[in-house]
Amino acid sequence: MSTATAVAPLTTADAETLLAAARTAAEAAGVPVSVTVLDAGGHLLAFRRDDRAVLISGETSTRKAYTALQLNAPTADLVDLVKPDGPFHSLPTALDRPLLFIAGGIPVHRDGRLVGALGVGGGAPEQDHAFATTALRQLG
């Protein structure tokens, strides 16, 4: 009989660390953003939209996080898959809760297990991805 090792879930404290680190990275670049942190079930753990961030960034940060969580991959790695000739071409509109294939969403792993996701919206896609990956490094 094998025993599975329990992996600690993403906590509210972890979510606050990710949120603060992403915002710090974005502020250093002068980019107002929204940041979303989801747990492994896709439930909201933390969210923050900077006062000057475009309103839609709140929605995009959340959808980026959800997409990264559902596909267990950074959204930056998935962009080409949904182009007209890509294998996931119909996926963005195939589900009740649409996915968003724009860089800025990354899955969060602990001991090799998926425990949540982080999404950043408001900057250029490459900036959002950089802010998210910088934040993830702070989680330790």
Protein backbone atom coordinates (compact mmCIF):
# COMPACT_ATOMS: atom_id res chain seq x y z
CA MET A 1 0.00 0.00 0.00
CA SER A 2 1.46 3.31 -1.06
CA THR A 3 0.98 6.45 0.92
CA ALA A 4 0.65 9.76 -0.83
CA THR A 5 2.48 12.64 0.72
CA ALA A 6 0.16 15.50 1.53
CA VAL A 7 1.05 18.80 -0.06
CA ALA A 8 0.16 21.95 1.83
CA PRO A 9 -2.42 24.02 -0.04
CA LEU A 10 -1.81 27.57 -1.13
CA THR A 11 -2.64 29.72 1.88
CA THR A 12 -3.98 33.23 2.19
CA ALA A 13 -0.52 34.27 3.39
CA ASP A 14 1.02 32.72 0.25
CA ALA A 15 -1.53 34.56 -1.87
CA GLU A 16 -0.71 37.87 -0.20
CA THR A 17 3.01 37.26 -0.79
CA LEU A 18 2.37 36.62 -4.49
CA LEU A 19 0.10 39.63 -4.80
CA ALA A 20 2.55 41.98 -3.09
CA ALA A 21 5.54 40.70 -5.07
CA ALA A 22 3.74 41.05 -8.41
CA ARG A 23 2.60 44.57 -7.56
CA THR A 24 6.11 45.55 -6.43
CA ALA A 25 7.57 44.31 -9.72
CA ALA A 26 4.90 46.15 -11.71
CA GLU A 27 5.33 49.37 -9.71
CA ALA A 28 9.09 49.26 -10.28
CA ALA A 29 8.36 49.18 -14.02
CA GLY A 30 5.75 51.93 -13.71
CA VAL A 31 2.93 49.66 -14.87
CA PRO A 32 -0.46 49.70 -13.08
CA VAL A 33 -1.83 46.14 -12.93
CA SER A 34 -4.42 43.83 -11.49
CA VAL A 35 -3.26 40.66 -9.76
CA THR A 36 -5.34 37.54 -9.08
CA VAL A 37 -4.39 34.48 -7.02
CA LEU A 38 -6.51 31.32 -7.21
CA ASP A 39 -6.31 28.14 -5.14
CA ALA A 40 -6.15 24.65 -6.68
CA GLY A 41 -9.94 24.57 -7.03
CA GLY A 42 -10.01 27.84 -8.94
CA HIS A 43 -11.36 29.82 -5.99
CA LEU A 44 -10.23 33.40 -5.42
CA LEU A 45 -7.63 33.78 -2.66
CA ALA A 46 -6.46 37.32 -3.36
CA PHE A 47 -7.15 40.11 -5.81
CA ARG A 48 -5.98 43.69 -6.21
CA ARG A 49 -6.47 46.23 -8.98
CA ASP A 50 -4.26 49.29 -8.87
CA ASP A 51 -6.18 52.57 -8.99
CA ARG A 52 -4.72 53.48 -12.38
CA ALA A 53 -5.01 50.02 -13.97
CA VAL A 54 -7.39 49.69 -16.88
CA LEU A 55 -10.67 48.23 -15.67
CA ILE A 56 -10.54 45.17 -17.92
CA SER A 57 -7.26 44.13 -16.28
CA GLY A 58 -9.23 42.77 -13.34
CA GLU A 59 -11.03 40.36 -15.63
CA THR A 60 -7.94 39.49 -17.66
CA SER A 61 -5.79 38.77 -14.60
CA THR A 62 -8.44 36.41 -13.28
CA ARG A 63 -8.94 34.61 -16.59
CA LYS A 64 -5.20 34.28 -17.09
CA ALA A 65 -4.86 32.67 -13.65
CA TYR A 66 -7.81 30.35 -14.36
CA THR A 67 -6.35 29.30 -17.73
CA ALA A 68 -2.92 28.61 -16.22
CA LEU A 69 -4.59 26.56 -13.49
CA GLN A 70 -6.83 24.51 -15.78
CA LEU A 71 -4.07 23.68 -18.26
CA ASN A 72 -1.26 23.60 -15.66
CA ALA A 73 0.94 25.74 -17.88
CA PRO A 74 1.99 29.36 -18.19
CA THR A 75 -0.38 31.17 -20.53
CA ALA A 76 2.69 32.53 -22.38
CA ASP A 77 3.40 28.95 -23.49
CA LEU A 78 -0.13 28.43 -24.83
CA VAL A 79 -0.65 31.43 -27.11
CA ASP A 80 0.30 29.64 -30.35
CA LEU A 81 -1.99 26.70 -29.56
CA VAL A 82 -5.14 28.77 -30.07
CA LYS A 83 -4.19 30.42 -33.34
CA PRO A 84 -6.45 29.47 -36.28
CA ASP A 85 -4.22 26.53 -37.26
CA GLY A 86 -3.46 25.48 -33.65
CA PRO A 87 -4.72 22.31 -31.95
CA PHE A 88 -6.63 24.30 -29.28
CA HIS A 89 -8.20 26.75 -31.76
CA SER A 90 -11.75 26.29 -30.42
CA LEU A 91 -10.83 25.96 -26.75
CA PRO A 92 -11.20 29.65 -25.77
CA THR A 93 -14.93 29.56 -26.53
CA ALA A 94 -15.69 25.88 -25.89
CA LEU A 95 -16.26 26.15 -22.14
CA ASP A 96 -18.82 27.84 -19.92
CA ARG A 97 -16.02 29.80 -18.28
CA PRO A 98 -13.82 31.14 -21.09
CA LEU A 99 -10.08 30.72 -20.99
CA LEU A 100 -7.69 33.54 -21.91
CA PHE A 101 -4.57 32.73 -23.87
CA ILE A 102 -2.53 35.87 -23.23
CA ALA A 103 0.78 35.84 -21.34
CA GLY A 104 0.52 36.74 -17.65
CA GLY A 105 -0.92 33.61 -16.04
CA ILE A 106 1.25 30.99 -14.35
CA PRO A 107 0.48 27.86 -12.33
CA VAL A 108 1.80 27.62 -8.77
CA HIS A 109 3.36 24.32 -7.70
CA ARG A 110 4.46 23.04 -4.31
CA ASP A 111 6.52 19.86 -4.10
CA GLY A 112 5.70 19.20 -7.74
CA ARG A 113 1.93 19.45 -7.21
CA LEU A 114 -0.39 22.10 -8.63
CA VAL A 115 -1.70 24.21 -5.72
CA GLY A 116 -3.00 27.32 -7.48
CA ALA A 117 -2.32 29.98 -10.06
CA LEU A 118 -1.36 33.62 -10.39
CA GLY A 119 -2.55 36.04 -13.06
CA VAL A 120 -1.37 39.55 -13.84
CA GLY A 121 -3.10 41.93 -16.26
CA GLY A 122 -2.66 45.55 -17.22
CA GLY A 123 0.71 45.71 -18.90
CA ALA A 124 1.93 44.29 -22.18
CA PRO A 125 1.65 40.48 -22.13
CA GLU A 126 5.42 40.08 -21.80
CA GLN A 127 5.44 42.49 -18.85
CA ASP A 128 2.57 40.69 -17.12
CA HIS A 129 4.38 37.36 -17.53
CA ALA A 130 7.59 38.85 -16.12
CA PHE A 131 5.75 40.31 -13.11
CA ALA A 132 4.08 36.96 -12.41
CA THR A 133 7.27 34.93 -12.68
CA THR A 134 9.10 37.43 -10.46
CA ALA A 135 6.35 37.08 -7.87
CA LEU A 136 6.47 33.30 -7.98
CA ARG A 137 10.18 33.35 -7.11
CA GLN A 138 9.30 35.20 -3.89
CA LEU A 139 7.06 32.39 -2.70
CA GLY A 140 10.00 30.14 -1.96
